[in-house]
N, C-alpha and C. Protein backbone atom coordinates (compact mmCIF):
# COMPACT_ATOMS: atom_id res chain seq x y z
N MET A 1 -30.49 -18.51 -242.86
CA MET A 1 -30.34 -19.85 -242.34
C MET A 1 -30.10 -19.83 -240.84
N SER A 2 -29.20 -18.97 -240.37
CA SER A 2 -28.90 -18.94 -238.93
C SER A 2 -30.07 -18.38 -238.13
N SER A 3 -30.90 -17.54 -238.75
CA SER A 3 -32.05 -17.01 -238.02
C SER A 3 -33.10 -18.09 -237.77
N SER A 4 -33.24 -19.06 -238.68
CA SER A 4 -34.19 -20.14 -238.46
C SER A 4 -33.71 -21.06 -237.33
N PHE A 5 -32.40 -21.29 -237.25
CA PHE A 5 -31.85 -22.07 -236.14
C PHE A 5 -32.04 -21.33 -234.82
N MET A 6 -31.91 -20.02 -234.87
CA MET A 6 -32.09 -19.21 -233.67
C MET A 6 -33.54 -19.26 -233.20
N ASN A 7 -34.48 -19.22 -234.15
CA ASN A 7 -35.89 -19.30 -233.81
C ASN A 7 -36.22 -20.66 -233.20
N ILE A 8 -35.71 -21.73 -233.79
CA ILE A 8 -35.93 -23.07 -233.25
C ILE A 8 -35.29 -23.18 -231.87
N GLY A 9 -34.11 -22.61 -231.72
CA GLY A 9 -33.43 -22.63 -230.43
C GLY A 9 -34.22 -21.90 -229.35
N MET A 10 -34.81 -20.78 -229.71
CA MET A 10 -35.62 -20.02 -228.74
C MET A 10 -36.86 -20.82 -228.33
N ILE A 11 -37.48 -21.53 -229.27
CA ILE A 11 -38.65 -22.35 -228.95
C ILE A 11 -38.26 -23.47 -228.00
N VAL A 12 -37.12 -24.09 -228.25
CA VAL A 12 -36.64 -25.16 -227.37
C VAL A 12 -36.34 -24.62 -225.98
N VAL A 13 -35.70 -23.48 -225.90
CA VAL A 13 -35.38 -22.87 -224.61
C VAL A 13 -36.66 -22.52 -223.85
N MET A 14 -37.67 -22.01 -224.55
CA MET A 14 -38.94 -21.67 -223.90
C MET A 14 -39.64 -22.93 -223.39
N PHE A 15 -39.60 -24.02 -224.17
CA PHE A 15 -40.22 -25.27 -223.73
C PHE A 15 -39.52 -25.81 -222.48
N VAL A 16 -38.20 -25.79 -222.47
CA VAL A 16 -37.44 -26.27 -221.30
C VAL A 16 -37.75 -25.41 -220.08
N ALA A 17 -37.82 -24.10 -220.27
CA ALA A 17 -38.15 -23.21 -219.15
C ALA A 17 -39.55 -23.49 -218.63
N MET A 18 -40.52 -23.69 -219.50
CA MET A 18 -41.88 -24.01 -219.06
C MET A 18 -41.90 -25.33 -218.30
N TRP A 19 -41.11 -26.29 -218.76
CA TRP A 19 -41.04 -27.59 -218.09
C TRP A 19 -40.58 -27.41 -216.64
N PHE A 20 -39.49 -26.68 -216.43
CA PHE A 20 -38.93 -26.52 -215.09
C PHE A 20 -39.74 -25.57 -214.21
N ILE A 21 -40.45 -24.62 -214.81
CA ILE A 21 -41.20 -23.65 -214.02
C ILE A 21 -42.61 -24.14 -213.69
N LEU A 22 -43.28 -24.82 -214.63
CA LEU A 22 -44.68 -25.18 -214.43
C LEU A 22 -44.93 -26.68 -214.29
N ILE A 23 -44.48 -27.46 -215.24
CA ILE A 23 -44.87 -28.87 -215.31
C ILE A 23 -44.21 -29.70 -214.23
N ARG A 24 -42.92 -29.58 -214.06
CA ARG A 24 -42.20 -30.41 -213.09
C ARG A 24 -42.67 -30.19 -211.65
N PRO A 25 -42.81 -28.94 -211.18
CA PRO A 25 -43.31 -28.75 -209.81
C PRO A 25 -44.74 -29.28 -209.61
N ALA A 26 -45.59 -29.15 -210.62
CA ALA A 26 -46.95 -29.67 -210.51
C ALA A 26 -46.94 -31.18 -210.39
N GLN A 27 -46.08 -31.85 -211.13
CA GLN A 27 -45.97 -33.30 -211.03
C GLN A 27 -45.47 -33.73 -209.66
N LYS A 28 -44.52 -32.98 -209.09
CA LYS A 28 -44.02 -33.30 -207.75
C LYS A 28 -45.12 -33.14 -206.70
N ARG A 29 -45.91 -32.06 -206.80
CA ARG A 29 -47.01 -31.85 -205.86
C ARG A 29 -48.05 -32.96 -205.97
N GLN A 30 -48.37 -33.36 -207.19
CA GLN A 30 -49.34 -34.42 -207.41
C GLN A 30 -48.84 -35.74 -206.84
N LYS A 31 -47.58 -36.04 -207.02
CA LYS A 31 -47.00 -37.28 -206.49
C LYS A 31 -47.03 -37.26 -204.95
N ALA A 32 -46.69 -36.12 -204.34
CA ALA A 32 -46.71 -36.01 -202.88
C ALA A 32 -48.12 -36.17 -202.33
N THR A 33 -49.10 -35.60 -203.02
CA THR A 33 -50.50 -35.72 -202.59
C THR A 33 -50.97 -37.17 -202.66
N ILE A 34 -50.64 -37.86 -203.73
CA ILE A 34 -51.04 -39.26 -203.87
C ILE A 34 -50.38 -40.11 -202.78
N GLU A 35 -49.11 -39.86 -202.49
CA GLU A 35 -48.43 -40.61 -201.43
C GLU A 35 -49.08 -40.35 -200.08
N MET A 36 -49.44 -39.08 -199.81
CA MET A 36 -50.11 -38.74 -198.55
C MET A 36 -51.44 -39.46 -198.44
N GLN A 37 -52.23 -39.45 -199.51
CA GLN A 37 -53.54 -40.09 -199.49
C GLN A 37 -53.43 -41.60 -199.34
N ASN A 38 -52.39 -42.20 -199.87
CA ASN A 38 -52.20 -43.64 -199.75
C ASN A 38 -51.65 -44.04 -198.38
N SER A 39 -51.05 -43.11 -197.66
CA SER A 39 -50.46 -43.44 -196.36
C SER A 39 -51.39 -43.15 -195.18
N ILE A 40 -52.62 -42.72 -195.46
CA ILE A 40 -53.58 -42.44 -194.39
C ILE A 40 -53.91 -43.72 -193.64
N LYS A 41 -53.97 -43.60 -192.31
CA LYS A 41 -54.32 -44.77 -191.50
C LYS A 41 -55.36 -44.39 -190.47
N ARG A 42 -55.96 -45.39 -189.88
CA ARG A 42 -57.01 -45.18 -188.88
C ARG A 42 -56.45 -44.36 -187.71
N GLY A 43 -57.22 -43.37 -187.27
CA GLY A 43 -56.82 -42.52 -186.16
C GLY A 43 -56.17 -41.21 -186.58
N ASP A 44 -55.80 -41.07 -187.85
CA ASP A 44 -55.21 -39.81 -188.34
C ASP A 44 -56.26 -38.71 -188.32
N ARG A 45 -55.82 -37.51 -187.96
CA ARG A 45 -56.68 -36.32 -188.07
C ARG A 45 -56.41 -35.71 -189.42
N VAL A 46 -57.48 -35.49 -190.20
CA VAL A 46 -57.34 -35.01 -191.58
C VAL A 46 -58.26 -33.82 -191.84
N VAL A 47 -57.96 -33.13 -192.93
CA VAL A 47 -58.80 -32.05 -193.43
C VAL A 47 -59.12 -32.39 -194.88
N THR A 48 -60.40 -32.33 -195.24
CA THR A 48 -60.79 -32.61 -196.61
C THR A 48 -60.53 -31.39 -197.48
N ILE A 49 -60.63 -31.57 -198.79
CA ILE A 49 -60.42 -30.43 -199.69
C ILE A 49 -61.53 -29.39 -199.53
N GLY A 50 -62.64 -29.78 -198.91
CA GLY A 50 -63.73 -28.84 -198.64
C GLY A 50 -63.59 -28.15 -197.30
N GLY A 51 -62.56 -28.51 -196.51
CA GLY A 51 -62.31 -27.84 -195.23
C GLY A 51 -62.89 -28.56 -194.03
N LEU A 52 -63.45 -29.75 -194.20
CA LEU A 52 -64.04 -30.49 -193.09
C LEU A 52 -62.94 -31.21 -192.31
N HIS A 53 -62.91 -31.01 -191.00
CA HIS A 53 -61.93 -31.65 -190.13
C HIS A 53 -62.54 -32.90 -189.53
N GLY A 54 -61.76 -33.97 -189.45
CA GLY A 54 -62.26 -35.20 -188.85
C GLY A 54 -61.15 -36.17 -188.56
N GLU A 55 -61.54 -37.29 -187.96
CA GLU A 55 -60.60 -38.36 -187.63
C GLU A 55 -60.97 -39.59 -188.45
N VAL A 56 -59.96 -40.22 -189.02
CA VAL A 56 -60.20 -41.39 -189.86
C VAL A 56 -60.67 -42.54 -188.98
N ASP A 57 -61.83 -43.09 -189.33
CA ASP A 57 -62.40 -44.22 -188.59
C ASP A 57 -62.13 -45.53 -189.30
N ALA A 58 -62.28 -45.55 -190.62
CA ALA A 58 -62.06 -46.76 -191.40
C ALA A 58 -61.62 -46.37 -192.80
N ILE A 59 -60.92 -47.30 -193.45
CA ILE A 59 -60.44 -47.06 -194.80
C ILE A 59 -60.78 -48.28 -195.64
N GLU A 60 -61.39 -48.03 -196.79
CA GLU A 60 -61.62 -49.07 -197.78
C GLU A 60 -60.73 -48.74 -198.97
N ASP A 61 -60.95 -49.41 -200.07
CA ASP A 61 -60.09 -49.24 -201.24
C ASP A 61 -60.01 -47.78 -201.69
N THR A 62 -61.13 -47.16 -202.01
CA THR A 62 -61.14 -45.77 -202.48
C THR A 62 -61.95 -44.86 -201.58
N VAL A 63 -62.40 -45.39 -200.44
CA VAL A 63 -63.28 -44.64 -199.54
C VAL A 63 -62.65 -44.52 -198.15
N VAL A 64 -62.85 -43.35 -197.54
CA VAL A 64 -62.39 -43.12 -196.17
C VAL A 64 -63.60 -42.67 -195.35
N TYR A 65 -63.78 -43.27 -194.18
CA TYR A 65 -64.85 -42.88 -193.27
C TYR A 65 -64.26 -41.99 -192.19
N LEU A 66 -64.85 -40.81 -192.00
CA LEU A 66 -64.37 -39.86 -191.01
C LEU A 66 -65.41 -39.68 -189.91
N ILE A 67 -64.91 -39.53 -188.69
CA ILE A 67 -65.76 -39.15 -187.57
C ILE A 67 -65.57 -37.65 -187.40
N ILE A 68 -66.67 -36.90 -187.54
CA ILE A 68 -66.56 -35.44 -187.45
C ILE A 68 -67.17 -34.89 -186.18
N ALA A 69 -67.97 -35.70 -185.49
CA ALA A 69 -68.56 -35.32 -184.20
C ALA A 69 -69.04 -36.60 -183.53
N ASP A 70 -69.54 -36.50 -182.30
CA ASP A 70 -70.06 -37.68 -181.62
C ASP A 70 -71.19 -38.28 -182.45
N ASN A 71 -71.09 -39.56 -182.72
CA ASN A 71 -72.10 -40.31 -183.48
C ASN A 71 -72.34 -39.78 -184.89
N VAL A 72 -71.36 -39.08 -185.46
CA VAL A 72 -71.48 -38.59 -186.83
C VAL A 72 -70.30 -39.13 -187.63
N ARG A 73 -70.63 -40.03 -188.56
CA ARG A 73 -69.61 -40.68 -189.39
C ARG A 73 -69.96 -40.41 -190.85
N VAL A 74 -69.02 -39.86 -191.59
CA VAL A 74 -69.27 -39.52 -192.99
C VAL A 74 -68.31 -40.28 -193.89
N LYS A 75 -68.74 -40.46 -195.13
CA LYS A 75 -67.98 -41.23 -196.11
C LYS A 75 -67.43 -40.29 -197.18
N PHE A 76 -66.14 -40.37 -197.45
CA PHE A 76 -65.48 -39.53 -198.45
C PHE A 76 -64.65 -40.40 -199.38
N GLU A 77 -64.48 -39.93 -200.60
CA GLU A 77 -63.51 -40.54 -201.49
C GLU A 77 -62.12 -40.23 -200.96
N ARG A 78 -61.20 -41.14 -201.16
CA ARG A 78 -59.82 -40.94 -200.68
C ARG A 78 -59.21 -39.68 -201.28
N GLN A 79 -59.54 -39.35 -202.53
CA GLN A 79 -58.99 -38.16 -203.18
C GLN A 79 -59.48 -36.86 -202.56
N ALA A 80 -60.52 -36.94 -201.73
CA ALA A 80 -61.05 -35.73 -201.10
C ALA A 80 -60.27 -35.32 -199.87
N ILE A 81 -59.30 -36.13 -199.44
CA ILE A 81 -58.47 -35.78 -198.29
C ILE A 81 -57.40 -34.82 -198.76
N GLY A 82 -57.40 -33.62 -198.20
CA GLY A 82 -56.47 -32.58 -198.61
C GLY A 82 -55.16 -32.60 -197.86
N ARG A 83 -55.19 -32.92 -196.58
CA ARG A 83 -53.96 -32.97 -195.80
C ARG A 83 -54.19 -33.73 -194.50
N VAL A 84 -53.10 -34.20 -193.94
CA VAL A 84 -53.13 -34.88 -192.64
C VAL A 84 -52.57 -33.90 -191.62
N LEU A 85 -53.29 -33.73 -190.52
CA LEU A 85 -52.85 -32.82 -189.46
C LEU A 85 -51.86 -33.53 -188.55
N VAL A 86 -50.81 -32.81 -188.18
CA VAL A 86 -49.81 -33.35 -187.28
C VAL A 86 -50.07 -32.74 -185.91
N ASP A 87 -50.32 -33.60 -184.93
CA ASP A 87 -50.60 -33.11 -183.56
C ASP A 87 -49.34 -32.98 -182.76
């Protein structure tokens, strides 16, 4: 009887450990990324998840327009912005 409680206890301990080691940090990173993507404004220098550097020219609901060179304006999904560069 006590060995079955011990087995259940070990499963619970392993689940809690997995929660704190894997799931919780991933959720925090995802939340921070979404906040960063929602706070992008015109004039920010950004890097896409593909490594393209550019300056935000315009923002629509789910689309961001980047200027990557003179007279070169490209359209990206907001989720494609990987980070905002701090100058």
